Amino acid sequence: MSTPAVSERHQSIPVEFADEEESIKITGFWMFLMTDMIIFASLFAVYAVYRSRTALGPTPQQLFHLGPTVLETLLLLTSSFTVGIAVWAMRHNRLRMVFGWLIATLVLGAGFVITEISDFVSYMSQGATWHVSGFLSGFYVLVGTHGAHVTFGIMWAITLLLQLRRRGLTAVTRRKLFTFSLYWHFLDIVWVFIFTFVYLSGKIA
């Protein structure tokens, strides 16, 4: 009598959780994200302390231009949407769709990194290097750490595409795609805080 109910519950479980061993690895990845959250919280705290310590260098209001930053925000938020569709396609066994939307995520992420590097180069060309003031040191470490995470995510997406092409949708590749999506959404959330707390508040302060 209980077999149909058990079967229904199993069918309602997302495919990335269907394999018990891979499901445990997803739980472990959540723990990794929590430690990463602590790192970013610490960097935000440091920036909050030092953002008013501009010494003889530029202030946030003088330095920041919201145009490139808004573009970065649009690119990263759109990439969060595309990776979400990739996970949806994975759950419906649509490998070609997974490829397409994961590539779109990769391209949007690359656009974000390129725009951020261009922004950094523009700041440095004005003499606003990291050692000029406490504000700039905190800024470059916080935003640069996030940018490094996005760059790592791009490399992860490339290796994931290679594995999907070679192995297809298996329990392992499904779990890897899902954990990648968690990582990517986490970076989007962190960026929303950076955009609001660093750029927007710095510009209107």
N, C-alpha and C. Protein backbone atom coordinates (compact mmCIF):
# COMPACT_ATOMS: atom_id res chain seq x y z
N MET A 1 0.82 -1.21 0.00
CA MET A 1 0.00 0.00 0.00
C MET A 1 0.86 1.26 0.00
N SER A 2 2.04 1.21 0.62
CA SER A 2 2.87 2.42 0.75
C SER A 2 3.75 2.66 -0.47
N THR A 3 3.86 1.65 -1.36
CA THR A 3 4.77 1.77 -2.50
C THR A 3 4.42 2.93 -3.42
N PRO A 4 3.15 3.13 -3.83
CA PRO A 4 2.83 4.26 -4.69
C PRO A 4 3.18 5.60 -4.06
N ALA A 5 2.93 5.74 -2.75
CA ALA A 5 3.23 7.00 -2.08
C ALA A 5 4.73 7.28 -2.08
N VAL A 6 5.52 6.22 -1.83
CA VAL A 6 6.97 6.36 -1.85
C VAL A 6 7.43 6.76 -3.25
N SER A 7 6.83 6.12 -4.26
CA SER A 7 7.18 6.42 -5.65
C SER A 7 6.86 7.86 -6.00
N GLU A 8 5.69 8.34 -5.54
CA GLU A 8 5.30 9.72 -5.82
C GLU A 8 6.26 10.71 -5.17
N ARG A 9 6.66 10.41 -3.92
CA ARG A 9 7.59 11.30 -3.25
C ARG A 9 8.93 11.33 -3.98
N HIS A 10 9.37 10.17 -4.46
CA HIS A 10 10.64 10.09 -5.20
C HIS A 10 10.57 10.90 -6.48
N GLN A 11 9.40 10.84 -7.17
CA GLN A 11 9.26 11.58 -8.41
C GLN A 11 9.21 13.09 -8.16
N SER A 12 8.75 13.51 -6.99
CA SER A 12 8.66 14.94 -6.69
C SER A 12 10.01 15.54 -6.30
N ILE A 13 11.01 14.70 -6.03
CA ILE A 13 12.34 15.19 -5.66
C ILE A 13 13.06 15.66 -6.93
N PRO A 14 13.64 16.87 -6.92
CA PRO A 14 14.42 17.32 -8.08
C PRO A 14 15.51 16.31 -8.41
N VAL A 15 15.82 16.18 -9.69
CA VAL A 15 16.73 15.14 -10.15
C VAL A 15 18.11 15.23 -9.51
N GLU A 16 18.55 16.45 -9.18
CA GLU A 16 19.88 16.60 -8.59
C GLU A 16 19.96 16.04 -7.18
N PHE A 17 18.79 15.80 -6.55
CA PHE A 17 18.76 15.23 -5.21
C PHE A 17 18.39 13.74 -5.21
N ALA A 18 18.15 13.19 -6.38
CA ALA A 18 17.70 11.80 -6.47
C ALA A 18 18.76 10.82 -6.00
N ASP A 19 20.02 11.12 -6.30
CA ASP A 19 21.12 10.26 -5.86
C ASP A 19 21.56 10.71 -4.46
N GLU A 20 21.53 9.78 -3.50
CA GLU A 20 21.80 10.14 -2.11
C GLU A 20 23.21 10.69 -1.91
N GLU A 21 24.19 10.06 -2.54
CA GLU A 21 25.58 10.51 -2.38
C GLU A 21 25.77 11.91 -2.94
N GLU A 22 25.19 12.17 -4.12
CA GLU A 22 25.31 13.50 -4.71
C GLU A 22 24.54 14.53 -3.90
N SER A 23 23.43 14.13 -3.30
CA SER A 23 22.64 15.03 -2.46
C SER A 23 23.44 15.48 -1.24
N ILE A 24 24.22 14.56 -0.67
CA ILE A 24 25.07 14.91 0.48
C ILE A 24 26.12 15.94 0.06
N LYS A 25 26.64 15.80 -1.15
CA LYS A 25 27.64 16.75 -1.65
C LYS A 25 27.04 18.14 -1.81
N ILE A 26 25.76 18.20 -2.19
CA ILE A 26 25.09 19.50 -2.31
C ILE A 26 25.00 20.16 -0.93
N THR A 27 24.68 19.37 0.09
CA THR A 27 24.64 19.89 1.46
C THR A 27 26.01 20.44 1.87
N GLY A 28 27.06 19.71 1.50
CA GLY A 28 28.41 20.17 1.79
C GLY A 28 28.72 21.48 1.09
N PHE A 29 28.20 21.65 -0.12
CA PHE A 29 28.46 22.88 -0.86
C PHE A 29 27.76 24.06 -0.19
N TRP A 30 26.58 23.82 0.38
CA TRP A 30 25.91 24.89 1.13
C TRP A 30 26.80 25.36 2.28
N MET A 31 27.49 24.43 2.93
CA MET A 31 28.39 24.79 4.03
C MET A 31 29.55 25.64 3.52
N PHE A 32 30.07 25.30 2.32
CA PHE A 32 31.12 26.11 1.72
C PHE A 32 30.63 27.54 1.47
N LEU A 33 29.39 27.67 0.96
CA LEU A 33 28.85 28.99 0.70
C LEU A 33 28.72 29.81 1.99
N MET A 34 28.41 29.13 3.10
CA MET A 34 28.32 29.84 4.38
C MET A 34 29.68 30.42 4.79
N THR A 35 30.74 29.64 4.57
CA THR A 35 32.08 30.16 4.90
C THR A 35 32.44 31.32 3.98
N ASP A 36 32.05 31.24 2.72
CA ASP A 36 32.30 32.33 1.78
C ASP A 36 31.51 33.58 2.19
N MET A 37 30.32 33.36 2.72
CA MET A 37 29.51 34.47 3.20
C MET A 37 30.21 35.20 4.34
N ILE A 38 30.86 34.44 5.21
CA ILE A 38 31.60 35.05 6.32
C ILE A 38 32.76 35.89 5.80
N ILE A 39 33.43 35.39 4.76
CA ILE A 39 34.54 36.14 4.16
C ILE A 39 34.05 37.47 3.63
N PHE A 40 32.96 37.44 2.86
CA PHE A 40 32.45 38.69 2.29
C PHE A 40 31.91 39.63 3.37
N ALA A 41 31.29 39.07 4.41
CA ALA A 41 30.81 39.90 5.52
C ALA A 41 31.97 40.63 6.17
N SER A 42 33.09 39.95 6.32
CA SER A 42 34.29 40.57 6.90
C SER A 42 34.82 41.69 6.00
N LEU A 43 34.83 41.44 4.69
CA LEU A 43 35.31 42.46 3.76
C LEU A 43 34.39 43.68 3.73
N PHE A 44 33.08 43.44 3.83
CA PHE A 44 32.14 44.56 3.91
C PHE A 44 32.37 45.37 5.17
N ALA A 45 32.64 44.69 6.28
CA ALA A 45 32.90 45.38 7.55
C ALA A 45 34.15 46.24 7.46
N VAL A 46 35.21 45.70 6.85
CA VAL A 46 36.45 46.45 6.68
C VAL A 46 36.20 47.68 5.82
N TYR A 47 35.46 47.49 4.72
CA TYR A 47 35.17 48.62 3.84
C TYR A 47 34.36 49.69 4.56
N ALA A 48 33.39 49.26 5.39
CA ALA A 48 32.56 50.22 6.13
C ALA A 48 33.41 51.09 7.05
N VAL A 49 34.46 50.51 7.62
CA VAL A 49 35.34 51.25 8.52
C VAL A 49 36.21 52.24 7.74
N TYR A 50 36.69 51.82 6.56
CA TYR A 50 37.69 52.60 5.85
C TYR A 50 37.15 53.49 4.73
N ARG A 51 35.88 53.40 4.41
CA ARG A 51 35.40 54.14 3.24
C ARG A 51 35.45 55.65 3.41
N SER A 52 35.49 56.13 4.64
CA SER A 52 35.58 57.58 4.86
C SER A 52 37.03 58.04 4.98
N ARG A 53 37.97 57.10 4.97
CA ARG A 53 39.38 57.44 5.14
C ARG A 53 40.04 57.57 3.77
N THR A 54 39.81 58.70 3.15
CA THR A 54 40.26 58.90 1.77
C THR A 54 41.64 59.56 1.69
N ALA A 55 42.18 60.01 2.85
CA ALA A 55 43.50 60.67 2.88
C ALA A 55 43.52 61.80 1.86
N LEU A 56 44.51 61.82 0.99
CA LEU A 56 44.59 62.86 -0.05
C LEU A 56 44.04 62.36 -1.38
N GLY A 57 43.47 61.15 -1.38
CA GLY A 57 42.95 60.57 -2.62
C GLY A 57 41.51 60.97 -2.88
N PRO A 58 40.95 60.45 -3.97
CA PRO A 58 39.57 60.78 -4.32
C PRO A 58 38.56 60.16 -3.36
N THR A 59 37.43 60.78 -3.24
CA THR A 59 36.34 60.25 -2.43
C THR A 59 35.48 59.34 -3.31
N PRO A 60 34.63 58.50 -2.71
CA PRO A 60 33.74 57.66 -3.53
C PRO A 60 32.89 58.48 -4.50
N GLN A 61 32.40 59.62 -4.04
CA GLN A 61 31.55 60.45 -4.88
C GLN A 61 32.30 60.98 -6.10
N GLN A 62 33.57 61.30 -5.91
CA GLN A 62 34.39 61.80 -7.03
C GLN A 62 34.79 60.68 -7.99
N LEU A 63 35.00 59.49 -7.45
CA LEU A 63 35.57 58.39 -8.25
C LEU A 63 34.53 57.60 -9.03
N PHE A 64 33.43 57.27 -8.40
CA PHE A 64 32.49 56.33 -9.00
C PHE A 64 31.65 56.96 -10.10
N HIS A 65 31.44 56.19 -11.16
CA HIS A 65 30.51 56.53 -12.23
C HIS A 65 29.53 55.37 -12.34
N LEU A 66 28.25 55.65 -12.21
CA LEU A 66 27.27 54.57 -12.11
C LEU A 66 26.97 53.88 -13.44
N GLY A 67 27.32 54.53 -14.57
CA GLY A 67 27.03 53.92 -15.87
C GLY A 67 27.60 52.52 -16.03
N PRO A 68 28.93 52.36 -15.92
CA PRO A 68 29.51 51.01 -16.04
C PRO A 68 29.01 50.05 -14.97
N THR A 69 28.78 50.58 -13.76
CA THR A 69 28.33 49.71 -12.67
C THR A 69 26.92 49.20 -12.90
N VAL A 70 26.06 50.05 -13.45
CA VAL A 70 24.70 49.60 -13.80
C VAL A 70 24.76 48.53 -14.87
N LEU A 71 25.66 48.71 -15.85
CA LEU A 71 25.84 47.70 -16.89
C LEU A 71 26.29 46.38 -16.28
N GLU A 72 27.25 46.42 -15.37
CA GLU A 72 27.71 45.21 -14.69
C GLU A 72 26.56 44.53 -13.95
N THR A 73 25.74 45.33 -13.30
CA THR A 73 24.60 44.79 -12.56
C THR A 73 23.62 44.09 -13.50
N LEU A 74 23.31 44.73 -14.61
CA LEU A 74 22.39 44.12 -15.58
C LEU A 74 22.95 42.82 -16.14
N LEU A 75 24.24 42.80 -16.45
CA LEU A 75 24.87 41.60 -16.98
C LEU A 75 24.80 40.45 -15.98
N LEU A 76 25.11 40.75 -14.71
CA LEU A 76 25.17 39.68 -13.71
C LEU A 76 23.77 39.19 -13.34
N LEU A 77 22.81 40.11 -13.22
CA LEU A 77 21.44 39.69 -12.88
C LEU A 77 20.82 38.89 -14.03
N THR A 78 21.12 39.28 -15.26
CA THR A 78 20.62 38.51 -16.41
C THR A 78 21.24 37.12 -16.42
N SER A 79 22.53 37.03 -16.06
CA SER A 79 23.19 35.72 -16.03
C SER A 79 22.59 34.82 -14.96
N SER A 80 22.06 35.42 -13.89
CA SER A 80 21.38 34.62 -12.87
C SER A 80 20.11 34.00 -13.44
N PHE A 81 19.43 34.75 -14.31
CA PHE A 81 18.23 34.24 -15.00
C PHE A 81 18.60 33.10 -15.95
N THR A 82 19.67 33.28 -16.73
CA THR A 82 20.04 32.27 -17.71
C THR A 82 20.50 30.97 -17.05
N VAL A 83 21.22 31.06 -15.93
CA VAL A 83 21.65 29.83 -15.26
C VAL A 83 20.44 29.14 -14.63
N GLY A 84 19.43 29.91 -14.23
CA GLY A 84 18.20 29.31 -13.72
C GLY A 84 17.48 28.51 -14.79
N ILE A 85 17.47 29.03 -16.01
CA ILE A 85 16.86 28.29 -17.13
C ILE A 85 17.67 27.04 -17.44
N ALA A 86 18.99 27.13 -17.33
CA ALA A 86 19.84 25.95 -17.56
C ALA A 86 19.49 24.83 -16.59
N VAL A 87 19.25 25.19 -15.31
CA VAL A 87 18.87 24.18 -14.32
C VAL A 87 17.49 23.61 -14.66
N TRP A 88 16.57 24.46 -15.09
CA TRP A 88 15.24 23.99 -15.51
C TRP A 88 15.36 22.99 -16.66
N ALA A 89 16.21 23.33 -17.65
CA ALA A 89 16.41 22.44 -18.79
C ALA A 89 17.04 21.12 -18.35
N MET A 90 17.96 21.18 -17.40
CA MET A 90 18.59 19.97 -16.87
C MET A 90 17.55 19.06 -16.23
N ARG A 91 16.62 19.64 -15.49
CA ARG A 91 15.59 18.84 -14.82
C ARG A 91 14.61 18.23 -15.81
N HIS A 92 14.57 18.76 -17.02
CA HIS A 92 13.70 18.21 -18.06
C HIS A 92 14.49 17.46 -19.13
N ASN A 93 15.75 17.13 -18.81
CA ASN A 93 16.60 16.32 -19.70
C ASN A 93 16.80 16.94 -21.08
N ARG A 94 16.91 18.24 -21.13
CA ARG A 94 17.12 18.93 -22.40
C ARG A 94 18.57 19.42 -22.47
N LEU A 95 19.42 18.52 -22.89
CA LEU A 95 20.86 18.78 -22.85
C LEU A 95 21.26 19.96 -23.74
N ARG A 96 20.66 20.07 -24.91
CA ARG A 96 21.02 21.16 -25.82
C ARG A 96 20.65 22.51 -25.22
N MET A 97 19.51 22.56 -24.55
CA MET A 97 19.12 23.80 -23.88
C MET A 97 20.08 24.13 -22.74
N VAL A 98 20.50 23.10 -22.03
CA VAL A 98 21.48 23.31 -20.95
C VAL A 98 22.74 23.96 -21.51
N PHE A 99 23.23 23.41 -22.63
CA PHE A 99 24.42 23.97 -23.27
C PHE A 99 24.21 25.43 -23.64
N GLY A 100 23.10 25.72 -24.30
CA GLY A 100 22.84 27.08 -24.78
C GLY A 100 22.77 28.09 -23.65
N TRP A 101 22.01 27.77 -22.62
CA TRP A 101 21.83 28.72 -21.52
C TRP A 101 23.07 28.82 -20.64
N LEU A 102 23.83 27.74 -20.53
CA LEU A 102 25.07 27.81 -19.76
C LEU A 102 26.11 28.65 -20.50
N ILE A 103 26.15 28.53 -21.82
CA ILE A 103 27.05 29.38 -22.61
C ILE A 103 26.65 30.84 -22.49
N ALA A 104 25.33 31.10 -22.51
CA ALA A 104 24.85 32.48 -22.32
C ALA A 104 25.28 33.02 -20.97
N THR A 105 25.20 32.19 -19.94
CA THR A 105 25.65 32.60 -18.60
C THR A 105 27.13 32.93 -18.60
N LEU A 106 27.90 32.09 -19.26
CA LEU A 106 29.35 32.28 -19.36
C LEU A 106 29.67 33.60 -20.06
N VAL A 107 29.00 33.89 -21.17
CA VAL A 107 29.25 35.11 -21.93
C VAL A 107 28.89 36.35 -21.11
N LEU A 108 27.76 36.29 -20.42
CA LEU A 108 27.34 37.43 -19.58
C LEU A 108 28.33 37.64 -18.44
N GLY A 109 28.78 36.54 -17.84
CA GLY A 109 29.78 36.65 -16.77
C GLY A 109 31.07 37.25 -17.27
N ALA A 110 31.50 36.83 -18.47
CA ALA A 110 32.72 37.38 -19.05
C ALA A 110 32.56 38.87 -19.33
N GLY A 111 31.36 39.26 -19.79
CA GLY A 111 31.09 40.69 -20.01
C GLY A 111 31.19 41.48 -18.72
N PHE A 112 30.71 40.89 -17.63
CA PHE A 112 30.80 41.54 -16.32
C PHE A 112 32.26 41.75 -15.93
N VAL A 113 33.08 40.71 -16.05
CA VAL A 113 34.49 40.79 -15.65
C VAL A 113 35.23 41.81 -16.50
N ILE A 114 34.99 41.79 -17.81
CA ILE A 114 35.66 42.73 -18.71
C ILE A 114 35.30 44.17 -18.35
N THR A 115 34.01 44.41 -18.08
CA THR A 115 33.57 45.76 -17.71
C THR A 115 34.20 46.19 -16.39
N GLU A 116 34.28 45.27 -15.44
CA GLU A 116 34.87 45.61 -14.14
C GLU A 116 36.36 45.91 -14.27
N ILE A 117 37.08 45.11 -15.05
CA ILE A 117 38.51 45.36 -15.27
C ILE A 117 38.70 46.72 -15.93
N SER A 118 37.86 47.03 -16.93
CA SER A 118 37.93 48.33 -17.61
C SER A 118 37.70 49.47 -16.61
N ASP A 119 36.76 49.26 -15.70
CA ASP A 119 36.47 50.24 -14.66
C ASP A 119 37.69 50.44 -13.75
N PHE A 120 38.31 49.34 -13.35
CA PHE A 120 39.49 49.41 -12.49
C PHE A 120 40.63 50.15 -13.19
N VAL A 121 40.84 49.84 -14.47
CA VAL A 121 41.90 50.50 -15.24
C VAL A 121 41.65 52.00 -15.32
N SER A 122 40.37 52.37 -15.49
CA SER A 122 40.01 53.79 -15.54
C SER A 122 40.33 54.48 -14.22
N TYR A 123 40.01 53.82 -13.10
CA TYR A 123 40.31 54.40 -11.79
C TYR A 123 41.81 54.56 -11.59
N MET A 124 42.57 53.54 -11.95
CA MET A 124 44.01 53.57 -11.75
C MET A 124 44.68 54.61 -12.64
N SER A 125 44.13 54.83 -13.83
CA SER A 125 44.69 55.85 -14.72
C SER A 125 44.53 57.25 -14.14
N GLN A 126 43.57 57.39 -13.20
CA GLN A 126 43.37 58.66 -12.51
C GLN A 126 44.23 58.76 -11.25
N GLY A 127 45.06 57.75 -11.03
CA GLY A 127 45.91 57.74 -9.85
C GLY A 127 45.27 57.12 -8.63
N ALA A 128 44.08 56.56 -8.79
CA ALA A 128 43.35 55.96 -7.67
C ALA A 128 43.74 54.49 -7.53
N THR A 129 44.97 54.25 -7.11
CA THR A 129 45.45 52.89 -6.90
C THR A 129 45.16 52.45 -5.46
N TRP A 130 45.33 51.17 -5.20
CA TRP A 130 44.88 50.60 -3.93
C TRP A 130 45.63 51.14 -2.72
N HIS A 131 46.88 51.61 -2.89
CA HIS A 131 47.68 52.04 -1.75
C HIS A 131 47.55 53.53 -1.45
N VAL A 132 46.70 54.25 -2.18
CA VAL A 132 46.55 55.69 -1.97
C VAL A 132 45.85 56.01 -0.66
N SER A 133 44.83 55.22 -0.32
CA SER A 133 44.06 55.49 0.90
C SER A 133 43.44 54.21 1.44
N GLY A 134 42.97 54.28 2.67
CA GLY A 134 42.27 53.14 3.26
C GLY A 134 41.00 52.81 2.50
N PHE A 135 40.30 53.86 2.03
CA PHE A 135 39.09 53.65 1.23
C PHE A 135 39.37 52.83 -0.01
N LEU A 136 40.41 53.19 -0.75
CA LEU A 136 40.72 52.48 -1.99
C LEU A 136 41.21 51.06 -1.72
N SER A 137 41.96 50.87 -0.65
CA SER A 137 42.40 49.52 -0.29
C SER A 137 41.19 48.63 -0.01
N GLY A 138 40.26 49.12 0.82
CA GLY A 138 39.06 48.35 1.13
C GLY A 138 38.21 48.10 -0.09
N PHE A 139 38.13 49.10 -0.96
CA PHE A 139 37.32 48.98 -2.17
C PHE A 139 37.87 47.91 -3.10
N TYR A 140 39.16 47.99 -3.40
CA TYR A 140 39.75 47.03 -4.35
C TYR A 140 39.73 45.60 -3.81
N VAL A 141 39.95 45.45 -2.51
CA VAL A 141 39.94 44.09 -1.95
C VAL A 141 38.53 43.50 -2.00
N LEU A 142 37.52 44.28 -1.61
CA LEU A 142 36.14 43.78 -1.60
C LEU A 142 35.65 43.48 -3.02
N VAL A 143 35.72 44.47 -3.89
CA VAL A 143 35.20 44.30 -5.25
C VAL A 143 36.07 43.33 -6.04
N GLY A 144 37.38 43.39 -5.82
CA GLY A 144 38.28 42.48 -6.52
C GLY A 144 38.08 41.03 -6.12
N THR A 145 37.79 40.80 -4.84
CA THR A 145 37.53 39.43 -4.38
C THR A 145 36.27 38.88 -5.05
N HIS A 146 35.26 39.72 -5.16
CA HIS A 146 34.04 39.29 -5.87
C HIS A 146 34.35 39.00 -7.34
N GLY A 147 35.11 39.89 -7.97
CA GLY A 147 35.46 39.68 -9.38
C GLY A 147 36.26 38.41 -9.59
N ALA A 148 37.15 38.09 -8.62
CA ALA A 148 37.92 36.84 -8.70
C ALA A 148 36.99 35.64 -8.59
N HIS A 149 35.96 35.74 -7.75
CA HIS A 149 34.98 34.66 -7.63
C HIS A 149 34.22 34.46 -8.95
N VAL A 150 33.86 35.56 -9.59
CA VAL A 150 33.15 35.45 -10.88
C VAL A 150 34.06 34.83 -11.93
N THR A 151 35.33 35.23 -11.94
CA THR A 151 36.29 34.64 -12.89
C THR A 151 36.43 33.14 -12.67
N PHE A 152 36.50 32.73 -11.40
CA PHE A 152 36.54 31.30 -11.10
C PHE A 152 35.27 30.61 -11.58
N GLY A 153 34.13 31.28 -11.41
CA GLY A 153 32.86 30.72 -11.87
C GLY A 153 32.84 30.51 -13.37
N ILE A 154 33.44 31.43 -14.11
CA ILE A 154 33.52 31.29 -15.57
C ILE A 154 34.35 30.05 -15.94
N MET A 155 35.48 29.88 -15.27
CA MET A 155 36.32 28.70 -15.53
C MET A 155 35.58 27.42 -15.15
N TRP A 156 34.83 27.47 -14.07
CA TRP A 156 34.02 26.32 -13.65
C TRP A 156 32.98 26.00 -14.72
N ALA A 157 32.33 27.02 -15.26
CA ALA A 157 31.32 26.80 -16.29
C ALA A 157 31.92 26.15 -17.54
N ILE A 158 33.14 26.57 -17.90
CA ILE A 158 33.80 25.99 -19.07
C ILE A 158 34.08 24.50 -18.85
N THR A 159 34.62 24.15 -17.68
CA THR A 159 34.88 22.73 -17.39
C THR A 159 33.58 21.93 -17.33
N LEU A 160 32.52 22.58 -16.84
CA LEU A 160 31.23 21.91 -16.76
C LEU A 160 30.67 21.63 -18.16
N LEU A 161 30.85 22.58 -19.07
CA LEU A 161 30.42 22.36 -20.45
C LEU A 161 31.16 21.19 -21.08
N LEU A 162 32.46 21.11 -20.81
CA LEU A 162 33.25 20.00 -21.36
C LEU A 162 32.78 18.66 -20.80
N GLN A 163 32.48 18.62 -19.50
CA GLN A 163 32.00 17.38 -18.89
C GLN A 163 30.62 16.99 -19.42
N LEU A 164 29.75 17.99 -19.60
CA LEU A 164 28.42 17.69 -20.14
C LEU A 164 28.51 17.16 -21.57
N ARG A 165 29.42 17.71 -22.33
CA ARG A 165 29.59 17.24 -23.71
C ARG A 165 30.11 15.81 -23.74
N ARG A 166 30.99 15.50 -22.80
CA ARG A 166 31.62 14.17 -22.79
C ARG A 166 30.72 13.11 -22.15
N ARG A 167 30.04 13.47 -21.05
CA ARG A 167 29.29 12.48 -20.28
C ARG A 167 27.78 12.61 -20.38
N GLY A 168 27.30 13.80 -20.81
CA GLY A 168 25.86 14.00 -20.83
C GLY A 168 25.31 14.30 -19.44
N LEU A 169 24.01 14.16 -19.28
CA LEU A 169 23.36 14.45 -18.00
C LEU A 169 23.35 13.19 -17.13
N THR A 170 24.31 13.11 -16.23
CA THR A 170 24.40 12.01 -15.27
C THR A 170 24.11 12.57 -13.87
N ALA A 171 24.07 11.68 -12.89
CA ALA A 171 23.84 12.14 -11.52
C ALA A 171 24.93 13.12 -11.08
N VAL A 172 26.16 12.86 -11.52
CA VAL A 172 27.29 13.72 -11.13
C VAL A 172 27.22 15.07 -11.83
N THR A 173 27.00 15.09 -13.15
CA THR A 173 26.96 16.36 -13.87
C THR A 173 25.74 17.20 -13.49
N ARG A 174 24.64 16.54 -13.16
CA ARG A 174 23.46 17.28 -12.68
C ARG A 174 23.77 17.99 -11.37
N ARG A 175 24.42 17.25 -10.47
CA ARG A 175 24.78 17.85 -9.18
C ARG A 175 25.75 19.00 -9.37
N LYS A 176 26.72 18.84 -10.27
CA LYS A 176 27.70 19.89 -10.50
C LYS A 176 27.03 21.14 -11.09
N LEU A 177 26.10 20.93 -12.01
CA LEU A 177 25.39 22.07 -12.59
C LEU A 177 24.56 22.79 -11.53
N PHE A 178 23.91 22.02 -10.66
CA PHE A 178 23.09 22.63 -9.62
C PHE A 178 23.95 23.41 -8.62
N THR A 179 25.08 22.83 -8.19
CA THR A 179 25.96 23.54 -7.25
C THR A 179 26.57 24.77 -7.91
N PHE A 180 26.86 24.68 -9.20
CA PHE A 180 27.34 25.87 -9.91
C PHE A 180 26.29 26.96 -9.88
N SER A 181 25.02 26.59 -10.09
CA SER A 181 23.95 27.59 -10.07
C SER A 181 23.82 28.23 -8.69
N LEU A 182 23.99 27.44 -7.63
CA LEU A 182 23.95 28.00 -6.28
C LEU A 182 25.08 29.02 -6.10
N TYR A 183 26.26 28.66 -6.54
CA TYR A 183 27.43 29.54 -6.46
C TYR A 183 27.17 30.83 -7.22
N TRP A 184 26.62 30.71 -8.41
CA TRP A 184 26.41 31.88 -9.27
C TRP A 184 25.34 32.81 -8.68
N HIS A 185 24.25 32.22 -8.17
CA HIS A 185 23.21 33.04 -7.53
C HIS A 185 23.78 33.76 -6.29
N PHE A 186 24.64 33.07 -5.56
CA PHE A 186 25.27 33.68 -4.39
C PHE A 186 26.09 34.90 -4.79
N LEU A 187 26.85 34.79 -5.88
CA LEU A 187 27.65 35.93 -6.35
C LEU A 187 26.76 37.08 -6.79
N ASP A 188 25.62 36.77 -7.37
CA ASP A 188 24.67 37.83 -7.76
C ASP A 188 24.15 38.58 -6.54
N ILE A 189 23.83 37.84 -5.48
CA ILE A 189 23.35 38.46 -4.25
C ILE A 189 24.42 39.35 -3.64
N VAL A 190 25.66 38.85 -3.62
CA VAL A 190 26.77 39.65 -3.08
C VAL A 190 26.93 40.94 -3.90
N TRP A 191 26.81 40.81 -5.22
CA TRP A 191 26.96 41.99 -6.06
C TRP A 191 25.88 43.02 -5.81
N VAL A 192 24.66 42.60 -5.55
CA VAL A 192 23.58 43.54 -5.24
C VAL A 192 23.96 44.36 -4.00
N PHE A 193 24.55 43.70 -3.00
CA PHE A 193 25.00 44.42 -1.80
C PHE A 193 26.16 45.36 -2.14
N ILE A 194 27.09 44.91 -3.00
CA ILE A 194 28.21 45.77 -3.39
C ILE A 194 27.69 47.00 -4.14
N PHE A 195 26.80 46.77 -5.08
CA PHE A 195 26.26 47.89 -5.86
C PHE A 195 25.56 48.90 -4.96
N THR A 196 24.79 48.39 -4.00
CA THR A 196 24.03 49.29 -3.12
C THR A 196 24.92 49.97 -2.09
N PHE A 197 25.73 49.18 -1.38
CA PHE A 197 26.51 49.68 -0.25
C PHE A 197 27.77 50.43 -0.67
N VAL A 198 28.38 49.99 -1.76
CA VAL A 198 29.64 50.61 -2.20
C VAL A 198 29.38 51.71 -3.21
N TYR A 199 28.81 51.35 -4.35
CA TYR A 199 28.69 52.30 -5.45
C TYR A 199 27.55 53.30 -5.24
N LEU A 200 26.35 52.81 -4.99
CA LEU A 200 25.19 53.71 -4.91
C LEU A 200 25.28 54.63 -3.69
N SER A 201 25.56 54.07 -2.53
CA SER A 201 25.66 54.92 -1.33
C SER A 201 26.86 55.83 -1.40
N GLY A 202 27.94 55.36 -2.06
CA GLY A 202 29.13 56.21 -2.22
C GLY A 202 28.88 57.38 -3.13
N LYS A 203 28.06 57.18 -4.16
CA LYS A 203 27.80 58.24 -5.12
C LYS A 203 26.84 59.29 -4.57
N ILE A 204 25.86 58.87 -3.79
CA ILE A 204 24.85 59.82 -3.31
C ILE A 204 25.15 60.38 -1.93
N ALA A 205 26.23 59.87 -1.30
CA ALA A 205 26.57 60.32 0.07
C ALA A 205 26.95 61.80 0.06
